[in-house]
Amino acid sequence: MDILDEARCPHRRTDAPAPGAGRITLLDGFALRWGRPGSEARGDELPHSVQRLVVYLCLAGRPARTAVAGDLWPEVPEEQAHASLRSALWRSRKAAPGLIEGVGGALSLVPGVRVDVRELSDWARRVVDPRVPGAAVSVPDRDLHGELLPGWYDDWVLLERERLRQLRLHALEAAAARLAGAGRFGEALQAALLAVQAEPLRESAHRTVVRVHLAEGNVVEAHRAYERFRQLLDDELGVPPSEQMTRLVPGIARRRRALHALDDAGRGPAPHPLRSVPAPGRSAAVR
């Protein structure tokens, strides 16, 4: 009898934890807390096949058995993939009883299990939903900052990792804008800097930092943030910030137009403001 048959059986196990008693984390690595106090199952104790099955259900919701078998064991014949799935389900029942249920040919985690990537997605949806008031927007909890399953290289993990990365970055920038609009500048800057920390070369994240400083009236801080990004781009890629970035900071665009005008006139780049360049055959003037 596999776990699907047990789900239909009227004499189901009664030693499973109550709904809401467990938590699964996938950000910065797989971890599981499931079971009654004193006999909790731990993620590092689960067989690898069970870990992959649990992770897949965390990310996929309620997939059909055929989809689970095909994605988890794509390089073997279908019959063998289904046999491997049955084995993983049997192992999960032994290692973490009651965690997975099967209904109508589909598999899922039991209701009430907390999953960090789902909490991250819920937070991001609230941030970008215009129906959610600004007072309800917040910076994400610290345990939602990590990367999805570092060291896992399954195709379905790689796709979900990139999706979550982009979701978090866009939501952090949106959260910063909404928090700044509500006058909560400290939280706004924290959200913007989290986006910069996650992707240091992402210009939209740096533009968000500059906008928060300007909204708070900190023009000098905005100039510093711009200059840090300009230097980073020059060091890493050898390119300047975009015109969209430059237009944000008062005075920066004017200085850039002046430099372009000098170049167009054939005079070369402007001299360093603290040095004078001597003409050929003459001594440099002491300033």
C-alpha atoms as a PDB file:
ATOM      1  CA  MET A   1       0.000   0.000   0.000  1.00  0.00           C
ATOM      2  CA  ASP A   2       1.547   3.332  -1.016  1.00  0.00           C
ATOM      3  CA  ILE A   3       0.765   6.684   0.445  1.00  0.00           C
ATOM      4  CA  LEU A   4      -2.033   7.378  -2.019  1.00  0.00           C
ATOM      5  CA  ASP A   5      -3.809   4.222  -0.956  1.00  0.00           C
ATOM      6  CA  GLU A   6      -3.364   5.229   2.678  1.00  0.00           C
ATOM      7  CA  ALA A   7      -4.934   8.594   1.915  1.00  0.00           C
ATOM      8  CA  ARG A   8      -8.088   6.800   0.772  1.00  0.00           C
ATOM      9  CA  CYS A   9      -8.055   4.321   3.624  1.00  0.00           C
ATOM     10  CA  PRO A  10     -10.520   5.004   6.489  1.00  0.00           C
ATOM     11  CA  HIS A  11      -7.965   3.673   9.003  1.00  0.00           C
ATOM     12  CA  ARG A  12      -5.394   6.393   8.515  1.00  0.00           C
ATOM     13  CA  ARG A  13      -2.407   6.916  10.777  1.00  0.00           C
ATOM     14  CA  THR A  14      -3.153   9.054  13.829  1.00  0.00           C
ATOM     15  CA  ASP A  15       0.455   9.690  14.913  1.00  0.00           C
ATOM     16  CA  ALA A  16       1.014  12.524  12.413  1.00  0.00           C
ATOM     17  CA  PRO A  17       1.546  16.048  13.771  1.00  0.00           C
ATOM     18  CA  ALA A  18      -1.356  18.433  13.886  1.00  0.00           C
ATOM     19  CA  PRO A  19      -1.756  20.826  10.930  1.00  0.00           C
ATOM     20  CA  GLY A  20       0.590  23.799  11.180  1.00  0.00           C
ATOM     21  CA  ALA A  21       3.097  21.902  13.308  1.00  0.00           C
ATOM     22  CA  GLY A  22       5.858  21.858  10.702  1.00  0.00           C
ATOM     23  CA  ARG A  23       8.092  24.210   8.742  1.00  0.00           C
ATOM     24  CA  ILE A  24      10.248  23.648   5.661  1.00  0.00           C
ATOM     25  CA  THR A  25      12.980  26.045   4.595  1.00  0.00           C
ATOM     26  CA  LEU A  26      14.564  26.054   1.147  1.00  0.00           C
ATOM     27  CA  LEU A  27      16.356  29.418   1.195  1.00  0.00           C
ATOM     28  CA  ASP A  28      20.064  28.960   1.919  1.00  0.00           C
ATOM     29  CA  GLY A  29      19.586  25.179   2.053  1.00  0.00           C
ATOM     30  CA  PHE A  30      17.020  22.495   2.822  1.00  0.00           C
ATOM     31  CA  ALA A  31      15.774  22.118   6.388  1.00  0.00           C
ATOM     32  CA  LEU A  32      12.694  20.450   7.847  1.00  0.00           C
ATOM     33  CA  ARG A  33      11.014  20.518  11.202  1.00  0.00           C
ATOM     34  CA  TRP A  34       8.168  18.030  11.327  1.00  0.00           C
ATOM     35  CA  GLY A  35       6.791  15.800  14.043  1.00  0.00           C
ATOM     36  CA  ARG A  36       5.773  15.763  17.641  1.00  0.00           C
ATOM     37  CA  PRO A  37       8.118  17.298  20.254  1.00  0.00           C
ATOM     38  CA  GLY A  38      10.870  14.852  21.101  1.00  0.00           C
ATOM     39  CA  SER A  39      10.475  12.871  17.882  1.00  0.00           C
ATOM     40  CA  GLU A  40      10.720  15.533  15.180  1.00  0.00           C
ATOM     41  CA  ALA A  41      12.016  14.584  11.749  1.00  0.00           C
ATOM     42  CA  ARG A  42      14.973  16.651  10.573  1.00  0.00           C
ATOM     43  CA  GLY A  43      15.822  17.511   6.996  1.00  0.00           C
ATOM     44  CA  ASP A  44      19.360  16.164   7.145  1.00  0.00           C
ATOM     45  CA  GLU A  45      18.018  12.791   8.276  1.00  0.00           C
ATOM     46  CA  LEU A  46      15.763  12.311   5.248  1.00  0.00           C
ATOM     47  CA  PRO A  47      16.949  10.159   2.334  1.00  0.00           C
ATOM     48  CA  HIS A  48      17.925  12.295  -0.651  1.00  0.00           C
ATOM     49  CA  SER A  49      15.028  10.956  -2.728  1.00  0.00           C
ATOM     50  CA  VAL A  50      12.618  12.111  -0.018  1.00  0.00           C
ATOM     51  CA  GLN A  51      14.274  15.521   0.200  1.00  0.00           C
ATOM     52  CA  ARG A  52      13.851  16.007  -3.557  1.00  0.00           C
ATOM     53  CA  LEU A  53      10.214  14.935  -3.379  1.00  0.00           C
ATOM     54  CA  VAL A  54       9.450  17.297  -0.490  1.00  0.00           C
ATOM     55  CA  VAL A  55      11.220  20.178  -2.230  1.00  0.00           C
ATOM     56  CA  TYR A  56       9.332  19.543  -5.464  1.00  0.00           C
ATOM     57  CA  LEU A  57       5.995  19.637  -3.646  1.00  0.00           C
ATOM     58  CA  CYS A  58       7.019  22.838  -1.861  1.00  0.00           C
ATOM     59  CA  LEU A  59       7.588  24.499  -5.238  1.00  0.00           C
ATOM     60  CA  ALA A  60       4.927  22.865  -7.403  1.00  0.00           C
ATOM     61  CA  GLY A  61       1.918  22.917  -5.091  1.00  0.00           C
ATOM     62  CA  ARG A  62      -0.325  19.970  -6.006  1.00  0.00           C
ATOM     63  CA  PRO A  63       1.153  18.287  -9.107  1.00  0.00           C
ATOM     64  CA  ALA A  64      -0.055  15.053 -10.679  1.00  0.00           C
ATOM     65  CA  ARG A  65       1.910  11.908  -9.898  1.00  0.00           C
ATOM     66  CA  THR A  66       2.976  11.633 -13.542  1.00  0.00           C
ATOM     67  CA  ALA A  67       4.454  15.149 -13.456  1.00  0.00           C
ATOM     68  CA  VAL A  68       6.345  14.409 -10.238  1.00  0.00           C
ATOM     69  CA  ALA A  69       7.778  11.159 -11.563  1.00  0.00           C
ATOM     70  CA  GLY A  70       8.751  12.708 -14.899  1.00  0.00           C
ATOM     71  CA  ASP A  71      10.497  15.739 -13.395  1.00  0.00           C
ATOM     72  CA  LEU A  72      12.297  13.945 -10.560  1.00  0.00           C
ATOM     73  CA  TRP A  73      13.465  10.976 -12.639  1.00  0.00           C
ATOM     74  CA  PRO A  74      13.598  12.314 -16.225  1.00  0.00           C
ATOM     75  CA  GLU A  75      16.341  10.008 -17.504  1.00  0.00           C
ATOM     76  CA  VAL A  76      14.670   6.651 -16.854  1.00  0.00           C
ATOM     77  CA  PRO A  77      11.669   4.910 -18.478  1.00  0.00           C
ATOM     78  CA  GLU A  78       8.247   5.998 -17.223  1.00  0.00           C
ATOM     79  CA  GLU A  79       7.562   2.730 -15.418  1.00  0.00           C
ATOM     80  CA  GLN A  80      10.855   2.966 -13.537  1.00  0.00           C
ATOM     81  CA  ALA A  81      10.208   6.615 -12.673  1.00  0.00           C
ATOM     82  CA  HIS A  82       6.852   5.692 -11.129  1.00  0.00           C
ATOM     83  CA  ALA A  83       8.508   2.890  -9.175  1.00  0.00           C
ATOM     84  CA  SER A  84      11.076   5.360  -7.854  1.00  0.00           C
ATOM     85  CA  LEU A  85       8.254   7.693  -6.840  1.00  0.00           C
ATOM     86  CA  ARG A  86       6.465   4.915  -4.961  1.00  0.00           C
ATOM     87  CA  SER A  87       9.708   4.114  -3.149  1.00  0.00           C
ATOM     88  CA  ALA A  88      10.221   7.779  -2.199  1.00  0.00           C
ATOM     89  CA  LEU A  89       6.650   8.010  -0.922  1.00  0.00           C
ATOM     90  CA  TRP A  90       7.131   4.891   1.194  1.00  0.00           C
ATOM     91  CA  ARG A  91      10.368   6.311   2.629  1.00  0.00           C
ATOM     92  CA  SER A  92       8.689   9.644   3.372  1.00  0.00           C
ATOM     93  CA  ARG A  93       5.933   7.855   5.285  1.00  0.00           C
ATOM     94  CA  LYS A  94       8.578   6.224   7.464  1.00  0.00           C
ATOM     95  CA  ALA A  95      10.782   9.283   7.941  1.00  0.00           C
ATOM     96  CA  ALA A  96       8.131  12.032   8.194  1.00  0.00           C
ATOM     97  CA  PRO A  97       4.709  10.395   8.648  1.00  0.00           C
ATOM     98  CA  GLY A  98       1.761  12.495   7.592  1.00  0.00           C
ATOM     99  CA  LEU A  99       3.772  15.149   5.739  1.00  0.00           C
ATOM    100  CA  ILE A 100       2.641  14.197   2.210  1.00  0.00           C
ATOM    101  CA  GLU A 101      -0.872  13.362   1.134  1.00  0.00           C
ATOM    102  CA  GLY A 102      -2.280  12.086  -2.121  1.00  0.00           C
ATOM    103  CA  VAL A 103      -5.770  12.871  -3.384  1.00  0.00           C
ATOM    104  CA  GLY A 104      -7.207  12.077  -6.798  1.00  0.00           C
ATOM    105  CA  GLY A 105      -3.903  11.210  -8.436  1.00  0.00           C
ATOM    106  CA  ALA A 106      -2.152  14.359  -7.183  1.00  0.00           C
ATOM    107  CA  LEU A 107       0.393  14.819  -4.414  1.00  0.00           C
ATOM    108  CA  SER A 108       0.876  17.696  -1.991  1.00  0.00           C
ATOM    109  CA  LEU A 109       2.116  18.615   1.438  1.00  0.00           C
ATOM    110  CA  VAL A 110      -0.599  18.444   4.084  1.00  0.00           C
ATOM    111  CA  PRO A 111      -2.340  21.765   4.792  1.00  0.00           C
ATOM    112  CA  GLY A 112      -0.751  23.994   7.386  1.00  0.00           C
ATOM    113  CA  VAL A 113       2.901  23.232   6.715  1.00  0.00           C
ATOM    114  CA  ARG A 114       4.837  26.487   6.543  1.00  0.00           C
ATOM    115  CA  VAL A 115       7.274  26.872   3.621  1.00  0.00           C
ATOM    116  CA  ASP A 116       9.624  29.843   3.424  1.00  0.00           C
ATOM    117  CA  VAL A 117       9.479  30.238  -0.372  1.00  0.00           C
ATOM    118  CA  ARG A 118       5.691  30.436  -0.189  1.00  0.00           C
ATOM    119  CA  GLU A 119       5.972  33.076   2.515  1.00  0.00           C
ATOM    120  CA  LEU A 120       8.385  35.001   0.271  1.00  0.00           C
ATOM    121  CA  SER A 121       5.934  34.815  -2.642  1.00  0.00           C
ATOM    122  CA  ASP A 122       3.051  35.940  -0.412  1.00  0.00           C
ATOM    123  CA  TRP A 123       5.093  38.917   0.820  1.00  0.00           C
ATOM    124  CA  ALA A 124       6.015  39.915  -2.740  1.00  0.00           C
ATOM    125  CA  ARG A 125       2.381  39.727  -3.887  1.00  0.00           C
ATOM    126  CA  ARG A 126       1.272  41.981  -1.037  1.00  0.00           C
ATOM    127  CA  VAL A 127       3.969  44.532  -1.835  1.00  0.00           C
ATOM    128  CA  VAL A 128       2.995  44.943  -5.497  1.00  0.00           C
ATOM    129  CA  ASP A 129      -0.777  44.710  -4.959  1.00  0.00           C
ATOM    130  CA  PRO A 130      -2.228  48.253  -5.172  1.00  0.00           C
ATOM    131  CA  ARG A 131      -5.199  47.142  -3.074  1.00  0.00           C
ATOM    132  CA  VAL A 132      -2.881  46.534  -0.102  1.00  0.00           C
ATOM    133  CA  PRO A 133      -2.492  49.796   1.868  1.00  0.00           C
ATOM    134  CA  GLY A 134       0.977  51.238   2.243  1.00  0.00           C
ATOM    135  CA  ALA A 135       0.754  50.807   6.002  1.00  0.00           C
ATOM    136  CA  ALA A 136       0.710  47.030   5.468  1.00  0.00           C
ATOM    137  CA  VAL A 137       3.944  47.016   3.409  1.00  0.00           C
ATOM    138  CA  SER A 138       7.061  45.882   5.228  1.00  0.00           C
ATOM    139  CA  VAL A 139      10.648  44.777   4.699  1.00  0.00           C
ATOM    140  CA  PRO A 140      10.834  40.967   4.412  1.00  0.00           C
ATOM    141  CA  ASP A 141      11.864  38.952   7.436  1.00  0.00           C
ATOM    142  CA  ARG A 142      15.533  38.071   7.670  1.00  0.00           C
ATOM    143  CA  ASP A 143      14.918  34.372   6.994  1.00  0.00           C
ATOM    144  CA  LEU A 144      13.508  35.239   3.541  1.00  0.00           C
ATOM    145  CA  HIS A 145      16.742  36.763   2.210  1.00  0.00           C
ATOM    146  CA  GLY A 146      18.654  33.661   1.083  1.00  0.00           C
ATOM    147  CA  GLU A 147      19.143  31.916  -2.259  1.00  0.00           C
ATOM    148  CA  LEU A 148      16.983  28.944  -3.171  1.00  0.00           C
ATOM    149  CA  LEU A 149      18.791  25.651  -2.498  1.00  0.00           C
ATOM    150  CA  PRO A 150      22.413  26.582  -3.287  1.00  0.00           C
ATOM    151  CA  GLY A 151      24.246  23.550  -4.612  1.00  0.00           C
ATOM    152  CA  TRP A 152      21.148  21.984  -6.211  1.00  0.00           C
ATOM    153  CA  TYR A 153      21.340  21.844 -10.010  1.00  0.00           C
ATOM    154  CA  ASP A 154      18.115  20.148 -11.141  1.00  0.00           C
ATOM    155  CA  ASP A 155      16.551  22.048 -14.042  1.00  0.00           C
ATOM    156  CA  TRP A 156      13.321  22.654 -12.131  1.00  0.00           C
ATOM    157  CA  VAL A 157      15.318  24.073  -9.196  1.00  0.00           C
ATOM    158  CA  LEU A 158      17.407  26.362 -11.419  1.00  0.00           C
ATOM    159  CA  LEU A 159      14.295  27.825 -13.079  1.00  0.00           C
ATOM    160  CA  GLU A 160      12.580  28.404  -9.756  1.00  0.00           C
ATOM    161  CA  ARG A 161      15.754  29.916  -8.271  1.00  0.00           C
ATOM    162  CA  GLU A 162      15.885  32.553 -10.991  1.00  0.00           C
ATOM    163  CA  ARG A 163      12.146  33.227 -10.751  1.00  0.00           C
ATOM    164  CA  LEU A 164      12.388  33.796  -7.003  1.00  0.00           C
ATOM    165  CA  ARG A 165      15.493  35.968  -7.413  1.00  0.00           C
ATOM    166  CA  GLN A 166      13.713  38.272  -9.838  1.00  0.00           C
ATOM    167  CA  LEU A 167      10.533  38.249  -7.746  1.00  0.00           C
ATOM    168  CA  ARG A 168      12.446  39.312  -4.625  1.00  0.00           C
ATOM    169  CA  LEU A 169      14.422  42.048  -6.418  1.00  0.00           C
ATOM    170  CA  HIS A 170      11.358  43.639  -8.015  1.00  0.00           C
ATOM    171  CA  ALA A 171       9.402  43.391  -4.768  1.00  0.00           C
ATOM    172  CA  LEU A 172      12.228  44.975  -2.748  1.00  0.00           C
ATOM    173  CA  GLU A 173      12.377  47.915  -5.140  1.00  0.00           C
ATOM    174  CA  ALA A 174       8.581  48.260  -5.034  1.00  0.00           C
ATOM    175  CA  ALA A 175       8.586  48.039  -1.237  1.00  0.00           C
ATOM    176  CA  ALA A 176      11.246  50.767  -1.026  1.00  0.00           C
ATOM    177  CA  ALA A 177       9.180  53.069  -3.246  1.00  0.00           C
ATOM    178  CA  ARG A 178       5.979  52.510  -1.266  1.00  0.00           C
ATOM    179  CA  LEU A 179       7.712  52.892   2.093  1.00  0.00           C
ATOM    180  CA  ALA A 180       9.387  56.124   0.979  1.00  0.00           C
ATOM    181  CA  GLY A 181       6.023  57.399  -0.244  1.00  0.00           C
ATOM    182  CA  ALA A 182       4.647  56.735   3.234  1.00  0.00           C
ATOM    183  CA  GLY A 183       7.517  58.650   4.828  1.00  0.00           C
ATOM    184  CA  ARG A 184       9.106  55.498   6.301  1.00  0.00           C
ATOM    185  CA  PHE A 185      12.528  56.346   4.920  1.00  0.00           C
ATOM    186  CA  GLY A 186      14.610  54.086   7.155  1.00  0.00           C
ATOM    187  CA  GLU A 187      12.668  50.988   6.119  1.00  0.00           C
ATOM    188  CA  ALA A 188      12.634  52.179   2.505  1.00  0.00           C
ATOM    189  CA  LEU A 189      16.411  52.473   2.459  1.00  0.00           C
ATOM    190  CA  GLN A 190      16.752  49.062   4.099  1.00  0.00           C
ATOM    191  CA  ALA A 191      14.631  47.458   1.356  1.00  0.00           C
ATOM    192  CA  ALA A 192      16.559  49.254  -1.401  1.00  0.00           C
ATOM    193  CA  LEU A 193      19.931  48.244   0.042  1.00  0.00           C
ATOM    194  CA  LEU A 194      18.779  44.625   0.320  1.00  0.00           C
ATOM    195  CA  ALA A 195      18.160  44.731  -3.439  1.00  0.00           C
ATOM    196  CA  VAL A 196      21.636  46.169  -3.999  1.00  0.00           C
ATOM    197  CA  GLN A 197      23.159  43.514  -1.749  1.00  0.00           C
ATOM    198  CA  ALA A 198      21.391  40.743  -3.669  1.00  0.00           C
ATOM    199  CA  GLU A 199      22.536  42.076  -7.072  1.00  0.00           C
ATOM    200  CA  PRO A 200      25.311  44.694  -6.768  1.00  0.00           C
ATOM    201  CA  LEU A 201      25.368  45.579 -10.492  1.00  0.00           C
ATOM    202  CA  ARG A 202      21.598  46.034 -10.814  1.00  0.00           C
ATOM    203  CA  GLU A 203      21.133  49.677 -11.759  1.00  0.00           C
ATOM    204  CA  SER A 204      17.420  49.844 -10.905  1.00  0.00           C
ATOM    205  CA  ALA A 205      18.276  48.889  -7.321  1.00  0.00           C
ATOM    206  CA  HIS A 206      20.857  51.693  -7.097  1.00  0.00           C
ATOM    207  CA  ARG A 207      18.373  54.133  -8.639  1.00  0.00           C
ATOM    208  CA  THR A 208      15.951  53.169  -5.883  1.00  0.00           C
ATOM    209  CA  VAL A 209      18.580  53.981  -3.247  1.00  0.00           C
ATOM    210  CA  VAL A 210      19.143  57.395  -4.845  1.00  0.00           C
ATOM    211  CA  ARG A 211      15.400  58.100  -5.004  1.00  0.00           C
ATOM    212  CA  VAL A 212      14.954  57.265  -1.322  1.00  0.00           C
ATOM    213  CA  HIS A 213      17.779  59.642  -0.346  1.00  0.00           C
ATOM    214  CA  LEU A 214      16.278  62.408  -2.503  1.00  0.00           C
ATOM    215  CA  ALA A 215      12.786  61.829  -1.117  1.00  0.00           C
ATOM    216  CA  GLU A 216      14.193  62.301   2.378  1.00  0.00           C
ATOM    217  CA  GLY A 217      16.024  65.453   1.261  1.00  0.00           C
ATOM    218  CA  ASN A 218      19.517  63.969   1.521  1.00  0.00           C
ATOM    219  CA  VAL A 219      21.071  65.286  -1.685  1.00  0.00           C
ATOM    220  CA  VAL A 220      24.637  64.617  -0.514  1.00  0.00           C
ATOM    221  CA  GLU A 221      23.761  60.988   0.280  1.00  0.00           C
ATOM    222  CA  ALA A 222      22.205  60.683  -3.176  1.00  0.00           C
ATOM    223  CA  HIS A 223      25.458  61.949  -4.742  1.00  0.00           C
ATOM    224  CA  ARG A 224      27.470  59.454  -2.690  1.00  0.00           C
ATOM    225  CA  ALA A 225      25.202  56.579  -3.723  1.00  0.00           C
ATOM    226  CA  TYR A 226      25.528  57.616  -7.377  1.00  0.00           C
ATOM    227  CA  GLU A 227      29.307  57.893  -7.139  1.00  0.00           C
ATOM    228  CA  ARG A 228      29.658  54.465  -5.501  1.00  0.00           C
ATOM    229  CA  PHE A 229      27.654  52.911  -8.306  1.00  0.00           C
ATOM    230  CA  ARG A 230      29.543  54.848 -10.983  1.00  0.00           C
ATOM    231  CA  GLN A 231      32.860  53.619  -9.573  1.00  0.00           C
ATOM    232  CA  LEU A 232      31.573  50.043  -9.290  1.00  0.00           C
ATOM    233  CA  LEU A 233      30.441  50.019 -12.923  1.00  0.00           C
ATOM    234  CA  ASP A 234      33.748  51.490 -14.053  1.00  0.00           C
ATOM    235  CA  ASP A 235      35.743  48.898 -12.087  1.00  0.00           C
ATOM    236  CA  GLU A 236      33.646  45.898 -13.097  1.00  0.00           C
ATOM    237  CA  LEU A 237      32.448  46.679 -16.620  1.00  0.00           C
ATOM    238  CA  GLY A 238      34.208  49.850 -17.750  1.00  0.00           C
ATOM    239  CA  VAL A 239      30.929  51.592 -18.579  1.00  0.00           C
ATOM    240  CA  PRO A 240      29.181  54.654 -17.100  1.00  0.00           C
ATOM    241  CA  PRO A 241      25.718  54.678 -15.503  1.00  0.00           C
ATOM    242  CA  SER A 242      22.796  55.132 -17.853  1.00  0.00           C
ATOM    243  CA  GLU A 243      21.283  58.498 -18.654  1.00  0.00           C
ATOM    244  CA  GLN A 244      18.244  57.416 -16.670  1.00  0.00           C
ATOM    245  CA  MET A 245      20.439  57.100 -13.572  1.00  0.00           C
ATOM    246  CA  THR A 246      22.360  60.288 -14.257  1.00  0.00           C
ATOM    247  CA  ARG A 247      19.216  62.417 -14.599  1.00  0.00           C
ATOM    248  CA  LEU A 248      18.165  61.486 -11.063  1.00  0.00           C
ATOM    249  CA  VAL A 249      20.972  63.320  -9.272  1.00  0.00           C
ATOM    250  CA  PRO A 250      20.997  67.139  -9.344  1.00  0.00           C
ATOM    251  CA  GLY A 251      24.096  68.478 -11.097  1.00  0.00           C
ATOM    252  CA  ILE A 252      25.364  65.140 -12.426  1.00  0.00           C
ATOM    253  CA  ALA A 253      23.659  65.452 -15.811  1.00  0.00           C
ATOM    254  CA  ARG A 254      24.934  69.030 -16.231  1.00  0.00           C
ATOM    255  CA  ARG A 255      28.524  67.979 -15.561  1.00  0.00           C
ATOM    256  CA  ARG A 256      28.236  65.048 -17.971  1.00  0.00           C
ATOM    257  CA  ARG A 257      26.929  67.342 -20.743  1.00  0.00           C
ATOM    258  CA  ALA A 258      29.856  69.691 -20.139  1.00  0.00           C
ATOM    259  CA  LEU A 259      32.344  66.820 -20.478  1.00  0.00           C
ATOM    260  CA  HIS A 260      30.668  65.642 -23.695  1.00  0.00           C
ATOM    261  CA  ALA A 261      30.855  69.185 -25.086  1.00  0.00           C
ATOM    262  CA  LEU A 262      34.594  69.306 -24.383  1.00  0.00           C
ATOM    263  CA  ASP A 263      35.130  65.952 -26.071  1.00  0.00           C
ATOM    264  CA  ASP A 264      33.105  67.028 -29.114  1.00  0.00           C
ATOM    265  CA  ALA A 265      35.208  70.162 -29.383  1.00  0.00           C
ATOM    266  CA  GLY A 266      38.340  68.016 -29.675  1.00  0.00           C
ATOM    267  CA  ARG A 267      39.835  69.178 -26.440  1.00  0.00           C
ATOM    268  CA  GLY A 268      39.850  65.723 -24.854  1.00  0.00           C
ATOM    269  CA  PRO A 269      38.604  64.934 -21.397  1.00  0.00           C
ATOM    270  CA  ALA A 270      38.378  67.710 -18.835  1.00  0.00           C
ATOM    271  CA  PRO A 271      41.353  68.027 -16.488  1.00  0.00           C
ATOM    272  CA  HIS A 272      41.115  66.844 -12.930  1.00  0.00           C
ATOM    273  CA  PRO A 273      39.672  69.724 -10.903  1.00  0.00           C
ATOM    274  CA  LEU A 274      42.629  69.647  -8.468  1.00  0.00           C
ATOM    275  CA  ARG A 275      45.389  69.656 -11.089  1.00  0.00           C
ATOM    276  CA  SER A 276      46.461  71.839 -13.990  1.00  0.00           C
ATOM    277  CA  VAL A 277      48.001  70.341 -17.084  1.00  0.00           C
ATOM    278  CA  PRO A 278      51.019  72.328 -18.418  1.00  0.00           C
ATOM    279  CA  ALA A 279      51.167  73.255 -22.064  1.00  0.00           C
ATOM    280  CA  PRO A 280      54.049  71.754 -24.089  1.00  0.00           C
ATOM    281  CA  GLY A 281      57.313  73.504 -23.360  1.00  0.00           C
ATOM    282  CA  ARG A 282      56.041  75.349 -20.345  1.00  0.00           C
ATOM    283  CA  SER A 283      56.359  74.697 -16.663  1.00  0.00           C
ATOM    284  CA  ALA A 284      53.282  73.811 -14.755  1.00  0.00           C
ATOM    285  CA  ALA A 285      51.796  76.682 -12.852  1.00  0.00           C
ATOM    286  CA  VAL A 286      51.815  76.249  -9.142  1.00  0.00           C
ATOM    287  CA  ARG A 287      48.354  76.618  -7.780  1.00  0.00           C
END
